[in-house]
C-alpha atoms as a PDB file:
ATOM      1  CA  MET A   1      14.255  26.083  15.172  1.00  0.00           C
ATOM      2  CA  VAL A   2      12.115  23.286  15.382  1.00  0.00           C
ATOM      3  CA  THR A   3       8.292  24.616  14.961  1.00  0.00           C
ATOM      4  CA  GLU A   4       5.593  22.341  16.486  1.00  0.00           C
ATOM      5  CA  GLN A   5       5.043  21.144  12.826  1.00  0.00           C
ATOM      6  CA  ASP A   6       8.510  19.606  12.906  1.00  0.00           C
ATOM      7  CA  ILE A   7       7.833  18.041  15.749  1.00  0.00           C
ATOM      8  CA  LYS A   8       4.403  16.469  14.691  1.00  0.00           C
ATOM      9  CA  GLU A   9       5.730  14.777  11.648  1.00  0.00           C
ATOM     10  CA  LEU A  10       8.373  13.331  13.751  1.00  0.00           C
ATOM     11  CA  LYS A  11       6.248  12.099  15.903  1.00  0.00           C
ATOM     12  CA  GLU A  12       3.734  10.850  12.928  1.00  0.00           C
ATOM     13  CA  ASN A  13       7.002   8.892  11.396  1.00  0.00           C
ATOM     14  CA  ILE A  14       8.422   7.588  14.843  1.00  0.00           C
ATOM     15  CA  ASN A  15       4.650   6.122  14.760  1.00  0.00           C
ATOM     16  CA  PHE A  16       5.125   4.808  11.742  1.00  0.00           C
ATOM     17  CA  LEU A  17       8.524   3.660  11.883  1.00  0.00           C
ATOM     18  CA  VAL A  18       7.172   1.712  15.296  1.00  0.00           C
ATOM     19  CA  LYS A  19       4.110   0.302  13.888  1.00  0.00           C
ATOM     20  CA  ALA A  20       5.880  -0.826  10.586  1.00  0.00           C
ATOM     21  CA  ALA A  21       8.504  -2.792  12.894  1.00  0.00           C
ATOM     22  CA  SER A  22       6.536  -4.665  14.802  1.00  0.00           C
ATOM     23  CA  ASN A  23       5.851  -6.583  12.152  1.00  0.00           C
ATOM     24  CA  SER A  24       2.120  -7.108  12.751  1.00  0.00           C
ATOM     25  CA  TYR A  25       0.462  -5.457   9.728  1.00  0.00           C
ATOM     26  CA  PRO A  26      -3.215  -4.539  10.438  1.00  0.00           C
ATOM     27  CA  ARG A  27      -6.134  -5.808   7.610  1.00  0.00           C
ATOM     28  CA  TRP A  28      -6.327  -2.276   5.976  1.00  0.00           C
ATOM     29  CA  MET A  29      -3.202  -0.132   5.776  1.00  0.00           C
ATOM     30  CA  ASP A  30      -2.460   2.966   4.249  1.00  0.00           C
ATOM     31  CA  ILE A  31      -0.585   3.647   1.250  1.00  0.00           C
ATOM     32  CA  LYS A  32       2.404   4.026   2.851  1.00  0.00           C
ATOM     33  CA  LEU A  33       2.438   1.104   5.275  1.00  0.00           C
ATOM     34  CA  ALA A  34       1.196  -0.906   2.285  1.00  0.00           C
ATOM     35  CA  CYS A  35       4.210   0.147  -0.187  1.00  0.00           C
ATOM     36  CA  LEU A  36       6.742  -0.986   2.250  1.00  0.00           C
ATOM     37  CA  TYR A  37       4.534  -4.251   3.419  1.00  0.00           C
ATOM     38  CA  SER A  38       4.690  -4.719  -0.511  1.00  0.00           C
ATOM     39  CA  SER A  39       8.055  -3.281  -1.346  1.00  0.00           C
ATOM     40  CA  MET A  40       6.084  -1.489  -4.281  1.00  0.00           C
ATOM     41  CA  SER A  41       6.574   1.948  -4.883  1.00  0.00           C
ATOM     42  CA  LYS A  42       3.572   4.082  -4.325  1.00  0.00           C
ATOM     43  CA  ASN A  43       3.174   4.652  -8.553  1.00  0.00           C
ATOM     44  CA  THR A  44       3.226   1.121  -9.082  1.00  0.00           C
ATOM     45  CA  LEU A  45       0.715  -0.461  -5.635  1.00  0.00           C
ATOM     46  CA  MET A  46      -1.631   2.508  -7.121  1.00  0.00           C
ATOM     47  CA  GLU A  47      -1.271   0.976 -10.708  1.00  0.00           C
ATOM     48  CA  TYR A  48      -1.988  -1.884  -9.673  1.00  0.00           C
ATOM     49  CA  ILE A  49      -5.091  -0.810  -7.570  1.00  0.00           C
ATOM     50  CA  MET A  50      -6.442   1.477 -10.454  1.00  0.00           C
ATOM     51  CA  ARG A  51      -6.294  -2.337 -12.342  1.00  0.00           C
ATOM     52  CA  GLY A  52      -8.076  -3.737  -9.867  1.00  0.00           C
ATOM     53  CA  ASN A  53      -5.413  -6.601  -8.765  1.00  0.00           C
ATOM     54  CA  ILE A  54      -5.296  -5.213  -5.974  1.00  0.00           C
ATOM     55  CA  TYR A  55      -8.157  -4.533  -3.442  1.00  0.00           C
ATOM     56  CA  ALA A  56      -8.292  -0.975  -2.332  1.00  0.00           C
ATOM     57  CA  LYS A  57     -10.382   1.819  -0.733  1.00  0.00           C
ATOM     58  CA  LYS A  58     -10.958   5.400  -0.723  1.00  0.00           C
ATOM     59  CA  LEU A  59     -12.146   7.096   2.696  1.00  0.00           C
ATOM     60  CA  ALA A  60     -11.989  10.543   3.337  1.00  0.00           C
ATOM     61  CA  GLY A  61      -9.512  11.253   0.705  1.00  0.00           C
ATOM     62  CA  LYS A  62      -7.035   8.436   1.625  1.00  0.00           C
ATOM     63  CA  TRP A  63      -6.541   5.087   0.144  1.00  0.00           C
ATOM     64  CA  TYR A  64      -6.506   1.953   2.940  1.00  0.00           C
ATOM     65  CA  VAL A  65      -5.131  -1.150   1.003  1.00  0.00           C
ATOM     66  CA  ASP A  66      -6.566  -4.767   1.791  1.00  0.00           C
ATOM     67  CA  ARG A  67      -3.657  -6.434   3.236  1.00  0.00           C
ATOM     68  CA  MET A  68      -4.975  -9.654   2.405  1.00  0.00           C
ATOM     69  CA  SER A  69      -6.090  -8.937  -1.592  1.00  0.00           C
ATOM     70  CA  LEU A  70      -2.303  -7.789  -1.366  1.00  0.00           C
ATOM     71  CA  ASP A  71      -1.203 -10.851  -0.341  1.00  0.00           C
ATOM     72  CA  SER A  72      -3.450 -13.220  -2.623  1.00  0.00           C
ATOM     73  CA  PHE A  73      -2.266 -11.259  -5.465  1.00  0.00           C
ATOM     74  CA  MET A  74       1.812 -11.500  -4.853  1.00  0.00           C
ATOM     75  CA  LEU A  75       0.999 -14.991  -4.849  1.00  0.00           C
ATOM     76  CA  LYS A  76      -0.294 -15.263  -8.292  1.00  0.00           C
ATOM     77  CA  ASP A  77       1.288 -16.843 -10.852  1.00  0.00           C
ATOM     78  CA  GLY A  78       2.696 -14.483 -12.907  1.00  0.00           C
ATOM     79  CA  ALA A  79       1.836 -15.316 -15.887  1.00  0.00           C
ATOM     80  CA  GLU A  80      -2.053 -15.284 -15.032  1.00  0.00           C
ATOM     81  CA  LEU A  81      -1.507 -11.246 -14.705  1.00  0.00           C
ATOM     82  CA  ASP A  82       0.336 -11.002 -17.900  1.00  0.00           C
ATOM     83  CA  ALA A  83      -2.942 -12.145 -19.676  1.00  0.00           C
ATOM     84  CA  ARG A  84      -5.246  -9.533 -17.336  1.00  0.00           C
ATOM     85  CA  VAL A  85      -2.396  -6.795 -17.203  1.00  0.00           C
ATOM     86  CA  LEU A  86      -2.408  -7.298 -22.042  1.00  0.00           C
ATOM     87  CA  LYS A  87      -6.374  -7.442 -22.009  1.00  0.00           C
ATOM     88  CA  LEU A  88      -6.856  -4.330 -19.567  1.00  0.00           C
ATOM     89  CA  CYS A  89      -4.095  -2.392 -22.208  1.00  0.00           C
ATOM     90  CA  LYS A  90      -6.310  -3.679 -25.175  1.00  0.00           C
END
């Protein structure tokens, strides 16, 4: 039996897929869309956010990731990132 909750979730998933497939990502993305955009898992993305490598805001209990910050992070030199991570681990 299909419930109203099932229909609501299906609509949300369809909207999510349409938005992702349109290839026009907004400046501020929720975690789910940011994971799709970056091909990172939620845990990995949150780790980089917590370390300060990627800028994100938490509004009303929901995280929003800055696409420009994510792009900048992905384009950085890996050696520079490794050095920053080592400093954070000390």
